[in-house]
Amino acid sequence: MATEEPPFSLLDEAAIAAVPLQHDPYEFAFVENAMPLAAKEAVLADAPTIPDRGSYALPDLRYGPNFGAAVKDLLSARFRRLVEQKFDMDLSKCPPCIVMMGNTSGHYNEGYAHPDSKHKIVTVLVGFTREWPYERGRLRVLRSSDRDDYAFEFAPEFGRMLMFRVSDKSWHGFLPQKGRRMSLQLCYVDSDWYVRREYWRHTVSAFAKSVPIVNKVIEWAPRKF
């Protein structure tokens, strides 16, 4: 007999299920409050401390139980099925990979427009920023590689969730803005090999950024270092 899955600890299942799938300029869905605002302070108090710009592999980060509850919900089969229903697809053979961003420097090479790797099937972005008062730095759903050619944008604040089917048209990015910008990226990918590669790549990047002179070079390097 199959055991019944436990309900989410934090995610608002009804809110995620209810949002419509958009088709312009590609398939995406946006949830304004994927987690209750009442949980905001407890979750953010337990969030990992991310020292530098760029993305870090989740296994390399330390965090407390309240943030861990959000991660557990996102990695659950229950959440995967919500995503499957939204996009009418089977992700059961697509392992999840999670990386996190904590800060942006405002340098020119951040937020560049990209459609995501061909190894990614669906990308889910979740905001964990306490507040984002800036006009720049909002995540944009783009119609092209031009970051000013956008169909939708939102501040990466706590509980806001964007999910999209990855394709050669799934352009997204943001205009550079210095700030404390905490967000989580969950991707369902095509193989365990790709998960291992991504975690290794971000681990090496994190080590490089811990060396001051190397970090300075990375800050001004082109595109996605």
Protein backbone atom coordinates (compact mmCIF):
# COMPACT_ATOMS: atom_id res chain seq x y z
CA MET A 1 0.00 0.00 0.00
CA ALA A 2 1.36 3.42 -0.94
CA THR A 3 1.93 5.73 1.99
CA GLU A 4 0.30 9.14 1.95
CA GLU A 5 2.76 11.99 1.52
CA PRO A 6 2.92 14.54 4.32
CA PRO A 7 1.66 18.05 3.54
CA PHE A 8 4.10 20.89 2.96
CA SER A 9 5.64 22.52 6.00
CA LEU A 10 5.86 25.94 4.37
CA LEU A 11 4.85 26.04 0.72
CA ASP A 12 1.30 27.16 -0.05
CA GLU A 13 0.13 24.29 -2.23
CA ALA A 14 -3.18 25.91 -3.16
CA ALA A 15 -1.51 29.17 -4.23
CA ILE A 16 1.04 27.36 -6.40
CA ALA A 17 -1.59 25.12 -7.99
CA ALA A 18 -3.94 28.04 -8.70
CA VAL A 19 -1.68 30.32 -10.75
CA PRO A 20 -2.23 30.06 -14.50
CA LEU A 21 0.43 29.01 -16.96
CA GLN A 22 1.47 31.92 -19.18
CA HIS A 23 2.54 31.36 -22.78
CA ASP A 24 3.97 34.73 -23.80
CA PRO A 25 6.89 34.89 -24.46
CA TYR A 26 7.31 31.28 -23.26
CA GLU A 27 5.73 28.95 -20.72
CA PHE A 28 6.03 30.36 -17.20
CA ALA A 29 4.01 30.76 -14.01
CA PHE A 30 4.45 33.30 -11.21
CA VAL A 31 3.31 32.89 -7.59
CA GLU A 32 3.16 36.08 -5.52
CA ASN A 33 3.16 34.30 -2.15
CA ALA A 34 4.38 30.72 -2.43
CA MET A 35 5.13 30.79 1.32
CA PRO A 36 3.16 32.54 4.08
CA LEU A 37 4.51 35.96 5.01
CA ALA A 38 4.04 35.02 8.68
CA ALA A 39 6.98 32.60 8.28
CA LYS A 40 9.28 35.19 6.72
CA GLU A 41 11.38 36.24 9.72
CA ALA A 42 11.86 32.71 11.06
CA VAL A 43 12.91 31.37 7.66
CA LEU A 44 15.27 34.26 6.90
CA ALA A 45 16.86 33.97 10.36
CA ASP A 46 17.81 30.40 9.44
CA ALA A 47 18.91 31.19 5.87
CA PRO A 48 22.53 30.52 4.87
CA THR A 49 25.12 33.27 5.01
CA ILE A 50 26.49 33.80 1.51
CA PRO A 51 29.68 35.87 1.57
CA ASP A 52 30.13 36.97 -2.04
CA ARG A 53 28.37 37.53 -5.34
CA GLY A 54 27.36 34.72 -7.65
CA SER A 55 25.73 31.36 -6.99
CA TYR A 56 26.67 28.70 -4.43
CA ALA A 57 25.80 25.00 -4.41
CA LEU A 58 23.26 24.19 -1.71
CA PRO A 59 25.34 21.27 -0.29
CA ASP A 60 28.14 23.77 0.46
CA LEU A 61 25.88 26.02 2.56
CA ARG A 62 24.84 25.80 6.20
CA TYR A 63 21.37 26.77 7.31
CA GLY A 64 18.88 26.25 10.13
CA PRO A 65 15.71 24.16 10.42
CA ASN A 66 13.20 26.78 9.28
CA PHE A 67 15.04 27.41 6.03
CA GLY A 68 15.62 23.68 5.80
CA ALA A 69 11.85 23.13 5.89
CA ALA A 70 11.49 25.26 2.75
CA VAL A 71 14.25 23.28 1.02
CA LYS A 72 12.62 19.97 2.03
CA ASP A 73 9.31 21.11 0.54
CA LEU A 74 10.97 22.16 -2.71
CA LEU A 75 12.84 18.84 -3.03
CA SER A 76 9.76 16.75 -2.31
CA ALA A 77 7.91 14.59 -4.80
CA ARG A 78 4.78 16.53 -3.83
CA PHE A 79 6.24 19.77 -5.17
CA ARG A 80 7.62 18.04 -8.25
CA ARG A 81 4.11 16.84 -9.07
CA LEU A 82 2.78 20.40 -8.77
CA VAL A 83 5.36 21.46 -11.36
CA GLU A 84 4.51 18.47 -13.55
CA GLN A 85 0.83 19.38 -13.47
CA LYS A 86 1.58 23.00 -14.30
CA PHE A 87 3.58 22.14 -17.41
CA ASP A 88 1.81 18.85 -18.25
CA MET A 89 5.03 16.84 -18.27
CA ASP A 90 6.79 13.99 -16.45
CA LEU A 91 9.79 15.00 -14.34
CA SER A 92 10.14 11.73 -12.42
CA LYS A 93 13.45 10.94 -14.13
CA CYS A 94 14.80 14.50 -13.82
CA PRO A 95 16.90 14.98 -10.66
CA PRO A 96 16.78 18.35 -8.87
CA CYS A 97 19.75 20.68 -8.50
CA ILE A 98 19.71 23.71 -6.16
CA VAL A 99 22.04 26.71 -6.10
CA MET A 100 21.65 29.98 -4.21
CA MET A 101 22.55 33.60 -4.78
CA GLY A 102 23.07 35.90 -1.81
CA ASN A 103 24.49 39.18 -3.08
CA THR A 104 24.93 41.26 -6.18
CA SER A 105 27.79 43.70 -6.71
CA GLY A 106 26.17 45.90 -9.34
CA HIS A 107 28.95 45.20 -11.83
CA TYR A 108 28.14 45.11 -15.54
CA ASN A 109 28.50 41.34 -15.86
CA GLU A 110 25.69 40.39 -13.49
CA GLY A 111 22.17 39.50 -14.53
CA TYR A 112 23.12 38.93 -18.17
CA ALA A 113 20.30 37.58 -20.36
CA HIS A 114 20.34 33.82 -20.91
CA PRO A 115 17.81 31.05 -21.69
CA ASP A 116 19.38 28.43 -19.33
CA SER A 117 21.37 25.32 -20.15
CA LYS A 118 19.96 22.73 -22.51
CA HIS A 119 20.43 20.21 -19.65
CA LYS A 120 17.75 21.98 -17.59
CA ILE A 121 14.14 20.96 -18.16
CA VAL A 122 12.27 23.27 -15.75
CA THR A 123 13.69 26.07 -13.62
CA VAL A 124 12.08 27.31 -10.40
CA LEU A 125 13.29 30.57 -8.86
CA VAL A 126 12.27 31.49 -5.30
CA GLY A 127 12.98 34.83 -3.61
CA PHE A 128 14.40 34.91 -0.08
CA THR A 129 15.32 38.61 0.04
CA ARG A 130 13.88 40.51 3.02
CA GLU A 131 13.17 43.55 0.83
CA TRP A 132 14.25 44.83 -2.57
CA PRO A 133 13.51 48.58 -2.86
CA TYR A 134 15.43 49.09 -6.11
CA GLU A 135 14.04 49.48 -9.59
CA ARG A 136 17.03 47.64 -11.05
CA GLY A 137 17.80 44.06 -10.13
CA ARG A 138 14.25 42.78 -10.60
CA LEU A 139 14.13 39.41 -12.34
CA ARG A 140 12.81 39.83 -15.85
CA VAL A 141 11.06 37.38 -18.17
CA LEU A 142 12.55 38.46 -21.49
CA ARG A 143 11.35 38.27 -25.07
CA SER A 144 14.93 38.25 -26.40
CA SER A 145 18.54 38.63 -25.30
CA ASP A 146 17.88 42.35 -24.72
CA ARG A 147 17.32 42.90 -20.97
CA ASP A 148 15.09 45.89 -21.74
CA ASP A 149 12.80 43.74 -23.89
CA TYR A 150 10.78 42.19 -21.07
CA ALA A 151 7.27 40.82 -20.68
CA PHE A 152 7.21 40.59 -16.88
CA GLU A 153 9.41 41.44 -13.91
CA PHE A 154 9.33 41.03 -10.14
CA ALA A 155 11.45 41.82 -7.10
CA PRO A 156 13.17 38.70 -5.67
CA GLU A 157 11.52 39.11 -2.28
CA PHE A 158 10.54 36.40 0.19
CA GLY A 159 8.04 33.88 -1.13
CA ARG A 160 7.85 35.04 -4.72
CA MET A 161 8.24 32.13 -7.13
CA LEU A 162 8.81 31.95 -10.87
CA MET A 163 8.83 28.65 -12.72
CA PHE A 164 9.39 28.17 -16.43
CA ARG A 165 9.93 25.47 -19.02
CA VAL A 166 13.48 25.78 -20.36
CA SER A 167 13.78 26.27 -24.11
CA ASP A 168 15.82 28.28 -26.56
CA LYS A 169 13.33 31.11 -25.96
CA SER A 170 13.32 31.14 -22.14
CA TRP A 171 15.42 34.31 -21.83
CA HIS A 172 15.63 35.89 -18.38
CA GLY A 173 17.96 38.21 -16.49
CA PHE A 174 18.13 41.44 -14.50
CA LEU A 175 19.80 44.82 -14.65
CA PRO A 176 22.87 45.11 -12.39
CA GLN A 177 22.19 46.48 -8.91
CA LYS A 178 24.29 46.19 -5.77
CA GLY A 179 22.43 44.71 -2.85
CA ARG A 180 21.64 41.81 -0.58
CA ARG A 181 19.77 39.67 -3.12
CA MET A 182 18.94 36.22 -1.77
CA SER A 183 17.30 33.79 -4.16
CA LEU A 184 17.15 30.04 -4.69
CA GLN A 185 17.26 28.30 -8.06
CA LEU A 186 15.88 24.79 -8.29
CA CYS A 187 16.32 23.08 -11.66
CA TYR A 188 15.03 19.73 -12.78
CA VAL A 189 17.80 18.47 -15.05
CA ASP A 190 18.43 15.63 -17.46
CA SER A 191 20.94 13.56 -15.48
CA ASP A 192 22.68 12.95 -12.15
CA TRP A 193 25.92 13.63 -14.02
CA TYR A 194 24.82 17.22 -14.65
CA VAL A 195 23.90 17.68 -10.97
CA ARG A 196 27.36 16.51 -9.92
CA ARG A 197 29.02 18.76 -12.49
CA GLU A 198 27.06 21.84 -11.41
CA TYR A 199 27.76 21.30 -7.73
CA TRP A 200 31.47 20.75 -8.44
CA ARG A 201 31.60 23.87 -10.63
CA HIS A 202 29.99 26.06 -7.97
CA THR A 203 32.20 24.57 -5.23
CA VAL A 204 35.32 25.48 -7.22
CA SER A 205 33.90 28.95 -7.90
CA ALA A 206 33.19 29.48 -4.19
CA PHE A 207 36.77 28.53 -3.30
CA ALA A 208 38.14 30.91 -5.93
CA LYS A 209 36.01 33.76 -4.57
CA SER A 210 37.44 33.15 -1.10
CA VAL A 211 40.89 34.22 -2.40
CA PRO A 212 40.84 38.06 -2.48
CA ILE A 213 42.97 38.63 -5.58
CA VAL A 214 41.12 35.93 -7.54
CA ASN A 215 37.78 37.31 -6.36
CA LYS A 216 38.71 40.74 -7.70
CA VAL A 217 39.44 39.25 -11.13
CA ILE A 218 36.15 37.33 -11.08
CA GLU A 219 34.21 40.49 -10.22
CA TRP A 220 35.21 42.10 -13.50
CA ALA A 221 35.37 38.99 -15.68
CA PRO A 222 32.87 38.84 -18.56
CA ARG A 223 29.54 37.04 -18.20
CA LYS A 224 28.88 34.23 -15.76
CA PHE A 225 31.93 33.60 -13.58
